[in-house]
Amino acid sequence: MDKRILIVGTYDTKSDELSYIADVIRAQGGVALSMDVSVLGQAPHPTDWSKHDVALAGGGTIAQAIASGDENFAMQLMARGAALLGSRLHAEGRFDGVLVLGGSMGTDLALDLCAALPVGVPKYIVSTVSFSPMIPPERLAADVQMILWAGGLYGLNPICKASLSQAAGAVLGAARAVEPPQSRRPMIGMTSFGKTVLRYMVTLKPELERRGYDLAVFHATGMGGRAFETLAEQGAFVAVMDFAPQEVSNHLFGSAISAGPNRMISAGRAGVPQMVAPGCYDLVDVVGWHPAPEAFRDAPSHAHNRLLSSFVLNADQRRQVAREIAAKLAQAAAPVTIFLPEHGCNEWDRAAGPLSDPEALAAFCDEMRAVTPPNARLISLDAHINDDAFAAAVLAQFDQWVASGVVPPGHR
């Protein structure tokens, strides 16, 4: 049997659009299954899982949802039901990929449903509000795909068919082609930026692989950190090397480039051992085409590209960052080691570099030593984060963790 795609939406108002998607999937040889998440109206045709099935899975009934007179309560009930029912159905092997269609209501539900499914399950959200700033990063599943539903507010038309047909083909193609993560080797999660600013992964990746581990490196520009946190919380990693926590600084100072308030918390709460270093802690990234924030108007900056600019933090701001990092790591339920490179934490802040501020760096290091929580070990390094000495110190600590059983042995 070809791949089975679960199509989710409000079949009382969007039956034509959802049926069109199903027809495209079937025309391509796939199997289309349906889940109705509507509340008030009736689907014109039976669905594989009715709105009553969804409400029951969410711990309520459609009658209760209607009686509440509160559309937000009703949709949260249906979102909870869709997530729990969808998770169970996938665990039972009932479908291979999911496509959810909707406006803001349907998207709210879709985010919960997709977050409930494991990485490797193709999950597509076709929405009139795709990529909107109203979608908080912490609600995005690590591998969710979003497609803008152009011209799709009401009824079928040639413009929206172009979006819907592509979405149908995309989810079916993804279900056929996906290679779910099934490595027999333990996985390490790492955060970083590109090699022009942080380089440790170039040394660490082959060394960790030689020791029998796989390494997944996440680009810490908001969405990457969010995916990193999600997978850490799900237990995907036997240890993390969180060496680019700039998203903590971004969130602390109100940048839109955020991974959410739980950045640098999920791994510790899940009992995952953490190695932490302050890569790019001294910078706050902002959207490059936005006006410069008032707090950073006179600060040195670096325009990375038209999308992204970075502003340099002063000494007091860096002390705030140190306290924020310490407070987050204090919540950890597993070993924590903090590496403190005293000569700088990104390529631009080396001595005589364009963003160098030795006094502010010293202020951060002093504050970090003062506030390191009792559950963490602090290792000060007479080195820059991009020096070989940093990578060597990380590997020495990692090998000690393996030898002592903190991290399970690798598979060679």
Protein backbone atom coordinates (compact mmCIF):
# COMPACT_ATOMS: atom_id res chain seq x y z
CA MET A 1 0.00 0.00 0.00
CA ASP A 2 1.25 3.49 -0.80
CA LYS A 3 1.72 6.13 1.88
CA ARG A 4 -1.27 7.23 3.94
CA ILE A 5 -1.77 10.94 4.51
CA LEU A 6 -3.98 12.21 7.32
CA ILE A 7 -5.82 15.37 6.18
CA VAL A 8 -7.06 17.50 9.07
CA GLY A 9 -9.38 20.49 8.96
CA THR A 10 -12.84 21.87 9.61
CA TYR A 11 -14.89 19.80 7.22
CA ASP A 12 -18.03 21.83 7.92
CA THR A 13 -16.56 24.97 6.29
CA LYS A 14 -13.65 23.69 4.18
CA SER A 15 -14.91 20.41 2.79
CA ASP A 16 -14.33 21.44 -0.84
CA GLU A 17 -10.72 22.41 -0.21
CA LEU A 18 -9.96 19.36 1.92
CA SER A 19 -11.62 17.05 -0.62
CA TYR A 20 -9.57 18.64 -3.38
CA ILE A 21 -6.36 17.86 -1.46
CA ALA A 22 -7.51 14.26 -0.99
CA ASP A 23 -8.25 13.94 -4.71
CA VAL A 24 -4.76 15.17 -5.61
CA ILE A 25 -3.16 12.70 -3.20
CA ARG A 26 -5.20 9.81 -4.58
CA ALA A 27 -4.42 10.83 -8.15
CA GLN A 28 -0.73 10.52 -7.26
CA GLY A 29 -1.24 7.02 -5.89
CA GLY A 30 -1.46 7.89 -2.21
CA VAL A 31 -4.11 7.08 0.39
CA ALA A 32 -6.07 9.98 1.89
CA LEU A 33 -7.52 9.76 5.41
CA SER A 34 -9.64 12.46 7.02
CA MET A 35 -10.03 13.97 10.49
CA ASP A 36 -12.75 16.55 11.14
CA VAL A 37 -11.98 19.21 13.76
CA SER A 38 -15.01 21.42 13.21
CA VAL A 39 -17.38 22.31 16.05
CA LEU A 40 -20.60 24.01 15.00
CA GLY A 41 -21.43 22.58 11.59
CA GLN A 42 -21.70 19.13 10.07
CA ALA A 43 -19.32 17.65 7.54
CA PRO A 44 -21.20 17.00 4.27
CA HIS A 45 -19.58 13.56 3.99
CA PRO A 46 -18.38 11.05 6.60
CA THR A 47 -14.76 11.37 7.73
CA ASP A 48 -12.46 8.64 9.00
CA TRP A 49 -12.36 10.34 12.40
CA SER A 50 -15.27 12.60 13.27
CA LYS A 51 -15.34 15.78 15.31
CA HIS A 52 -16.92 13.71 18.10
CA ASP A 53 -13.91 11.36 18.10
CA VAL A 54 -11.59 14.38 18.36
CA ALA A 55 -13.54 16.04 21.18
CA LEU A 56 -13.68 12.78 23.13
CA ALA A 57 -9.93 12.34 22.80
CA GLY A 58 -9.55 15.86 24.20
CA GLY A 59 -11.57 14.99 27.28
CA GLY A 60 -14.86 16.63 26.33
CA THR A 61 -17.74 16.62 23.90
CA ILE A 62 -18.92 18.75 21.03
CA ALA A 63 -21.99 19.64 23.08
CA GLN A 64 -19.73 21.02 25.82
CA ALA A 65 -17.74 23.00 23.29
CA ILE A 66 -20.87 24.58 21.85
CA ALA A 67 -22.42 25.21 25.26
CA SER A 68 -19.34 27.10 26.41
CA GLY A 69 -20.07 29.85 23.90
CA ASP A 70 -16.32 30.45 23.80
CA GLU A 71 -14.63 29.75 20.47
CA ASN A 72 -11.18 29.79 22.08
CA PHE A 73 -12.22 27.14 24.63
CA ALA A 74 -13.80 25.07 21.88
CA MET A 75 -10.75 25.16 19.63
CA GLN A 76 -8.38 24.36 22.50
CA LEU A 77 -10.50 21.31 23.27
CA MET A 78 -10.29 20.24 19.64
CA ALA A 79 -6.57 21.02 19.48
CA ARG A 80 -5.91 18.86 22.51
CA GLY A 81 -8.04 16.08 21.05
CA ALA A 82 -6.38 16.26 17.64
CA ALA A 83 -2.92 16.10 19.21
CA LEU A 84 -3.72 13.14 21.45
CA LEU A 85 -5.69 11.26 18.82
CA GLY A 86 -3.13 11.96 16.11
CA SER A 87 -0.28 10.81 18.34
CA ARG A 88 -2.07 7.56 19.15
CA LEU A 89 -3.01 6.88 15.55
CA HIS A 90 0.56 7.38 14.40
CA ALA A 91 1.88 5.10 17.15
CA GLU A 92 -0.54 2.48 15.84
CA GLY A 93 0.86 2.89 12.32
CA ARG A 94 -2.36 4.31 10.90
CA PHE A 95 -0.79 7.12 8.82
CA ASP A 96 2.58 8.18 7.40
CA GLY A 97 2.25 11.96 7.10
CA VAL A 98 -0.14 14.73 8.06
CA LEU A 99 -1.46 17.83 6.33
CA VAL A 100 -3.49 20.37 8.30
CA LEU A 101 -5.44 23.13 6.56
CA GLY A 102 -6.74 26.28 8.19
CA GLY A 103 -6.74 29.95 8.99
CA SER A 104 -5.68 31.25 12.39
CA MET A 105 -8.00 28.80 14.19
CA GLY A 106 -6.83 25.80 12.20
CA THR A 107 -3.20 26.86 12.52
CA ASP A 108 -3.47 27.10 16.30
CA LEU A 109 -4.73 23.50 16.33
CA ALA A 110 -2.19 22.39 13.73
CA LEU A 111 0.74 23.55 15.85
CA ASP A 112 -0.36 21.31 18.74
CA LEU A 113 -0.98 18.33 16.47
CA CYS A 114 2.37 18.61 14.70
CA ALA A 115 4.24 19.10 17.98
CA ALA A 116 2.75 15.82 19.23
CA LEU A 117 4.28 13.81 16.37
CA PRO A 118 7.90 12.62 16.35
CA VAL A 119 10.66 13.96 14.13
CA GLY A 120 10.63 12.22 10.77
CA VAL A 121 6.85 12.21 10.38
CA PRO A 122 6.11 14.57 7.45
CA LYS A 123 3.95 17.35 8.87
CA TYR A 124 2.63 20.16 6.68
CA ILE A 125 0.56 23.15 7.75
CA VAL A 126 -1.20 24.94 4.90
CA SER A 127 -2.37 28.20 6.38
CA THR A 128 -3.48 31.70 5.54
CA VAL A 129 -1.13 32.88 8.32
CA SER A 130 1.98 30.82 7.51
CA PHE A 131 5.22 32.57 8.55
CA SER A 132 3.26 35.18 10.49
CA PRO A 133 4.87 36.81 13.56
CA MET A 134 1.78 35.76 15.52
CA ILE A 135 3.19 32.20 15.57
CA PRO A 136 5.51 31.86 18.60
CA PRO A 137 8.70 29.91 17.91
CA GLU A 138 8.24 27.66 20.93
CA ARG A 139 5.14 26.12 19.35
CA LEU A 140 6.84 25.02 16.13
CA ALA A 141 7.66 21.33 15.81
CA ALA A 142 11.31 20.68 15.00
CA ASP A 143 10.65 19.59 11.41
CA VAL A 144 7.30 21.20 10.57
CA GLN A 145 6.75 22.56 7.06
CA MET A 146 4.49 25.54 6.39
CA ILE A 147 2.95 26.58 3.07
CA LEU A 148 1.19 29.90 2.58
CA TRP A 149 -2.39 29.31 1.48
CA ALA A 150 -2.69 32.14 -1.02
CA GLY A 151 -6.22 33.17 -1.92
CA GLY A 152 -7.66 30.55 0.37
CA LEU A 153 -9.89 32.37 2.81
CA TYR A 154 -13.10 31.04 1.30
CA GLY A 155 -13.74 28.51 -1.45
CA LEU A 156 -11.74 26.97 -4.26
CA ASN A 157 -10.23 29.08 -7.02
CA PRO A 158 -7.29 28.69 -9.42
CA ILE A 159 -4.89 30.58 -7.12
CA CYS A 160 -5.56 28.53 -4.00
CA LYS A 161 -5.57 25.29 -5.99
CA ALA A 162 -1.97 26.03 -6.92
CA SER A 163 -1.05 26.12 -3.22
CA LEU A 164 -3.18 23.13 -2.24
CA SER A 165 -1.96 20.88 -5.04
CA GLN A 166 1.67 21.65 -4.20
CA ALA A 167 1.00 20.89 -0.54
CA ALA A 168 -0.65 17.59 -1.41
CA GLY A 169 2.29 16.57 -3.57
CA ALA A 170 4.80 17.76 -0.99
CA VAL A 171 3.43 15.75 1.92
CA LEU A 172 2.98 12.61 -0.17
CA GLY A 173 6.46 12.96 -1.65
CA ALA A 174 7.92 13.55 1.80
CA ALA A 175 6.19 10.45 3.18
CA ARG A 176 7.67 8.40 0.35
CA ALA A 177 11.18 9.82 0.62
CA VAL A 178 11.67 10.45 4.34
CA GLU A 179 14.43 8.65 6.21
CA PRO A 180 13.33 8.82 9.87
CA PRO A 181 16.12 9.17 12.43
CA GLN A 182 17.00 5.60 13.36
CA SER A 183 20.71 5.79 14.07
CA ARG A 184 22.14 3.03 16.21
CA ARG A 185 24.72 5.52 17.49
CA PRO A 186 23.99 7.87 20.41
CA MET A 187 23.30 11.44 19.34
CA ILE A 188 24.94 14.61 20.64
CA GLY A 189 23.13 17.93 20.14
CA MET A 190 25.22 21.05 19.56
CA THR A 191 24.46 24.72 18.90
CA SER A 192 26.64 26.95 16.77
CA PHE A 193 26.83 29.56 14.04
CA GLY A 194 28.68 29.47 10.74
CA LYS A 195 32.42 28.81 10.56
CA THR A 196 33.21 32.48 10.01
CA VAL A 197 32.29 33.22 13.64
CA LEU A 198 32.42 29.88 15.55
CA ARG A 199 34.64 27.00 14.46
CA TYR A 200 34.73 24.37 17.21
CA MET A 201 32.37 21.98 15.39
CA VAL A 202 34.96 21.50 12.64
CA THR A 203 37.22 19.80 15.19
CA LEU A 204 34.59 18.25 17.43
CA LYS A 205 32.40 16.57 14.81
CA PRO A 206 35.01 14.08 13.48
CA GLU A 207 36.33 13.44 17.00
CA LEU A 208 32.87 12.62 18.36
CA GLU A 209 32.12 10.43 15.35
CA ARG A 210 35.40 8.60 15.89
CA ARG A 211 34.24 7.91 19.44
CA GLY A 212 31.03 6.34 18.12
CA TYR A 213 28.53 9.22 18.32
CA ASP A 214 26.46 11.16 15.82
CA LEU A 215 26.44 14.95 16.08
CA ALA A 216 23.54 17.22 15.11
CA VAL A 217 24.52 20.90 14.91
CA PHE A 218 21.72 23.49 15.21
CA HIS A 219 21.97 27.01 13.81
CA ALA A 220 21.14 29.15 16.84
CA THR A 221 19.15 31.86 15.08
CA GLY A 222 15.80 31.40 16.81
CA MET A 223 14.25 28.50 14.93
CA GLY A 224 17.38 26.37 15.26
CA GLY A 225 17.47 26.83 19.00
CA ARG A 226 13.78 26.02 19.21
CA ALA A 227 14.33 22.73 17.37
CA PHE A 228 17.31 21.99 19.61
CA GLU A 229 15.21 22.54 22.74
CA THR A 230 12.33 20.43 21.42
CA LEU A 231 14.53 17.45 20.65
CA ALA A 232 16.44 17.76 23.93
CA GLU A 233 13.14 17.71 25.79
CA GLN A 234 12.10 14.58 23.87
CA GLY A 235 15.29 12.76 24.88
CA ALA A 236 16.88 12.69 21.44
CA PHE A 237 20.36 13.45 22.84
CA VAL A 238 22.58 11.64 25.33
CA ALA A 239 24.37 14.94 25.93
CA VAL A 240 24.30 18.48 24.60
CA MET A 241 27.08 20.92 23.76
CA ASP A 242 25.25 24.22 23.97
CA PHE A 243 28.07 26.47 22.85
CA ALA A 244 26.03 29.22 21.12
CA PRO A 245 23.43 30.44 23.63
CA GLN A 246 23.01 33.83 21.98
CA GLU A 247 19.26 33.21 21.79
CA VAL A 248 19.25 33.62 25.57
CA SER A 249 20.64 37.13 25.10
CA ASN A 250 18.21 37.80 22.26
CA HIS A 251 15.20 36.86 24.38
CA LEU A 252 16.50 38.70 27.43
CA PHE A 253 16.76 41.97 25.48
CA GLY A 254 13.53 41.62 23.52
CA SER A 255 14.79 40.61 20.08
CA ALA A 256 12.32 39.05 17.66
CA ILE A 257 15.00 36.45 16.84
CA SER A 258 14.13 34.29 19.82
CA ALA A 259 13.88 30.60 20.62
CA GLY A 260 11.39 31.35 23.36
CA PRO A 261 11.63 31.60 27.15
CA ASN A 262 12.65 27.96 27.66
CA ARG A 263 15.93 28.24 25.80
CA MET A 264 18.69 26.50 27.79
CA ILE A 265 16.18 24.84 30.12
CA SER A 266 14.77 21.78 28.30
CA ALA A 267 17.86 19.58 28.32
CA GLY A 268 18.49 20.12 32.01
CA ARG A 269 14.88 19.44 32.95
CA ALA A 270 14.98 16.25 30.87
CA GLY A 271 18.06 15.03 32.72
CA VAL A 272 20.42 15.44 29.75
CA PRO A 273 24.05 16.28 30.66
CA GLN A 274 25.01 19.74 29.41
CA MET A 275 28.25 21.29 28.32
CA VAL A 276 27.80 25.03 27.94
CA ALA A 277 30.00 27.80 26.55
CA PRO A 278 29.09 31.46 25.87
CA GLY A 279 29.58 31.55 22.12
CA CYS A 280 28.31 34.92 20.81
CA TYR A 281 26.76 35.69 24.22
CA ASP A 282 27.96 39.30 23.74
CA LEU A 283 25.79 39.95 20.68
CA VAL A 284 22.08 40.53 20.27
CA ASP A 285 20.74 39.68 16.84
CA VAL A 286 17.92 41.78 15.43
CA VAL A 287 15.99 41.66 12.19
CA GLY A 288 18.24 43.51 9.78
CA TRP A 289 15.50 45.43 8.01
CA HIS A 290 13.91 46.67 11.24
CA PRO A 291 14.96 49.99 12.78
CA ALA A 292 17.75 49.64 15.32
CA PRO A 293 16.33 49.17 18.85
CA GLU A 294 16.68 52.27 20.99
CA ALA A 295 18.71 50.37 23.60
CA PHE A 296 21.38 49.58 21.00
CA ARG A 297 21.29 52.71 18.87
CA ASP A 298 24.81 53.76 19.86
CA ALA A 299 26.28 50.27 20.26
CA PRO A 300 28.86 48.82 17.85
CA SER A 301 27.18 46.54 15.32
CA HIS A 302 27.82 44.06 12.55
CA ALA A 303 25.49 43.70 9.56
CA HIS A 304 25.61 39.99 8.76
CA ASN A 305 23.29 40.32 5.75
CA ARG A 306 20.04 42.08 4.86
CA LEU A 307 18.10 39.80 7.22
CA LEU A 308 20.30 39.91 10.30
CA SER A 309 22.32 42.50 12.24
CA SER A 310 24.14 42.07 15.54
CA PHE A 311 24.65 44.66 18.28
CA VAL A 312 27.41 44.41 20.88
CA LEU A 313 26.41 44.31 24.56
CA ASN A 314 28.09 46.55 27.10
CA ALA A 315 29.55 45.36 30.40
CA ASP A 316 26.36 45.73 32.45
CA GLN A 317 24.30 43.94 29.81
CA ARG A 318 26.82 41.10 29.72
CA ARG A 319 26.54 40.71 33.48
CA GLN A 320 22.78 40.35 32.99
CA VAL A 321 23.41 37.60 30.47
CA ALA A 322 25.69 35.76 32.91
CA ARG A 323 23.00 35.86 35.59
CA GLU A 324 20.35 34.66 33.15
CA ILE A 325 22.47 31.72 31.99
CA ALA A 326 23.25 30.77 35.60
CA ALA A 327 19.58 30.88 36.59
CA LYS A 328 18.64 28.59 33.73
CA LEU A 329 21.40 26.08 34.42
CA ALA A 330 20.53 26.01 38.11
CA GLN A 331 17.35 24.13 37.13
CA ALA A 332 19.25 21.23 35.57
CA ALA A 333 18.72 17.71 36.85
CA ALA A 334 21.91 16.33 35.27
CA PRO A 335 25.61 17.26 35.28
CA VAL A 336 26.52 20.69 33.88
CA THR A 337 29.96 21.92 32.84
CA ILE A 338 30.48 25.54 31.83
CA PHE A 339 33.52 26.40 29.72
CA LEU A 340 34.64 30.02 30.03
CA PRO A 341 37.06 31.08 27.24
CA GLU A 342 38.71 34.16 28.75
CA HIS A 343 40.10 35.45 25.43
CA GLY A 344 36.74 35.79 23.69
CA CYS A 345 33.68 33.99 22.45
CA ASN A 346 33.38 34.73 18.73
CA GLU A 347 35.83 35.43 15.94
CA TRP A 348 35.00 39.14 15.84
CA ASP A 349 35.85 39.77 19.51
CA ARG A 350 39.44 38.57 19.42
CA ALA A 351 42.00 41.08 20.64
CA ALA A 352 42.09 43.94 18.11
CA GLY A 353 39.06 42.43 16.34
CA PRO A 354 36.28 44.70 15.03
CA LEU A 355 33.96 43.95 17.97
CA SER A 356 36.57 43.55 20.70
CA ASP A 357 35.78 44.96 24.16
CA PRO A 358 38.24 43.47 26.68
CA GLU A 359 36.74 45.27 29.67
CA ALA A 360 33.23 44.05 28.94
CA LEU A 361 34.55 40.52 28.35
CA ALA A 362 36.32 40.62 31.71
CA ALA A 363 33.12 41.85 33.37
CA PHE A 364 31.20 38.90 31.93
CA CYS A 365 33.85 36.40 33.03
CA ASP A 366 33.93 37.83 36.56
CA GLU A 367 30.14 37.72 36.81
CA MET A 368 29.99 34.18 35.44
CA ARG A 369 32.44 33.00 38.08
CA ALA A 370 30.42 34.73 40.79
CA VAL A 371 27.02 33.35 39.79
CA THR A 372 27.84 29.82 38.61
CA PRO A 373 25.23 27.64 40.36
CA PRO A 374 26.38 24.93 42.79
CA ASN A 375 25.17 22.16 40.46
CA ALA A 376 27.58 23.26 37.69
CA ARG A 377 31.32 22.94 37.21
CA LEU A 378 33.08 25.99 35.76
CA ILE A 379 36.26 25.53 33.70
CA SER A 380 38.08 28.77 32.89
CA LEU A 381 40.26 28.56 29.80
CA ASP A 382 43.24 30.71 28.90
CA ALA A 383 42.03 30.58 25.31
CA HIS A 384 39.56 31.87 22.74
CA ILE A 385 36.50 29.76 21.91
CA ASN A 386 37.88 29.18 18.39
CA ASP A 387 41.29 27.98 19.64
CA ASP A 388 42.25 24.32 19.59
CA ALA A 389 42.53 24.45 23.38
CA PHE A 390 38.79 24.95 23.70
CA ALA A 391 37.93 21.87 21.64
CA ALA A 392 40.56 19.87 23.54
CA ALA A 393 39.02 20.83 26.89
CA VAL A 394 35.56 19.85 25.66
CA LEU A 395 36.77 16.44 24.51
CA ALA A 396 38.61 15.85 27.78
CA GLN A 397 35.42 16.53 29.75
CA PHE A 398 33.36 14.42 27.37
CA ASP A 399 35.75 11.47 27.69
CA GLN A 400 35.59 11.79 31.48
CA TRP A 401 31.78 11.73 31.35
CA VAL A 402 31.86 8.60 29.21
CA ALA A 403 34.36 6.91 31.51
CA SER A 404 32.26 7.71 34.58
CA GLY A 405 28.96 6.67 32.99
CA VAL A 406 27.40 10.14 32.75
CA VAL A 407 27.21 9.62 28.98
CA PRO A 408 26.65 6.13 27.54
CA PRO A 409 29.45 4.68 25.40
CA GLY A 410 29.38 5.23 21.66
CA HIS A 411 28.81 2.56 19.02
CA ARG A 412 31.67 2.25 16.56
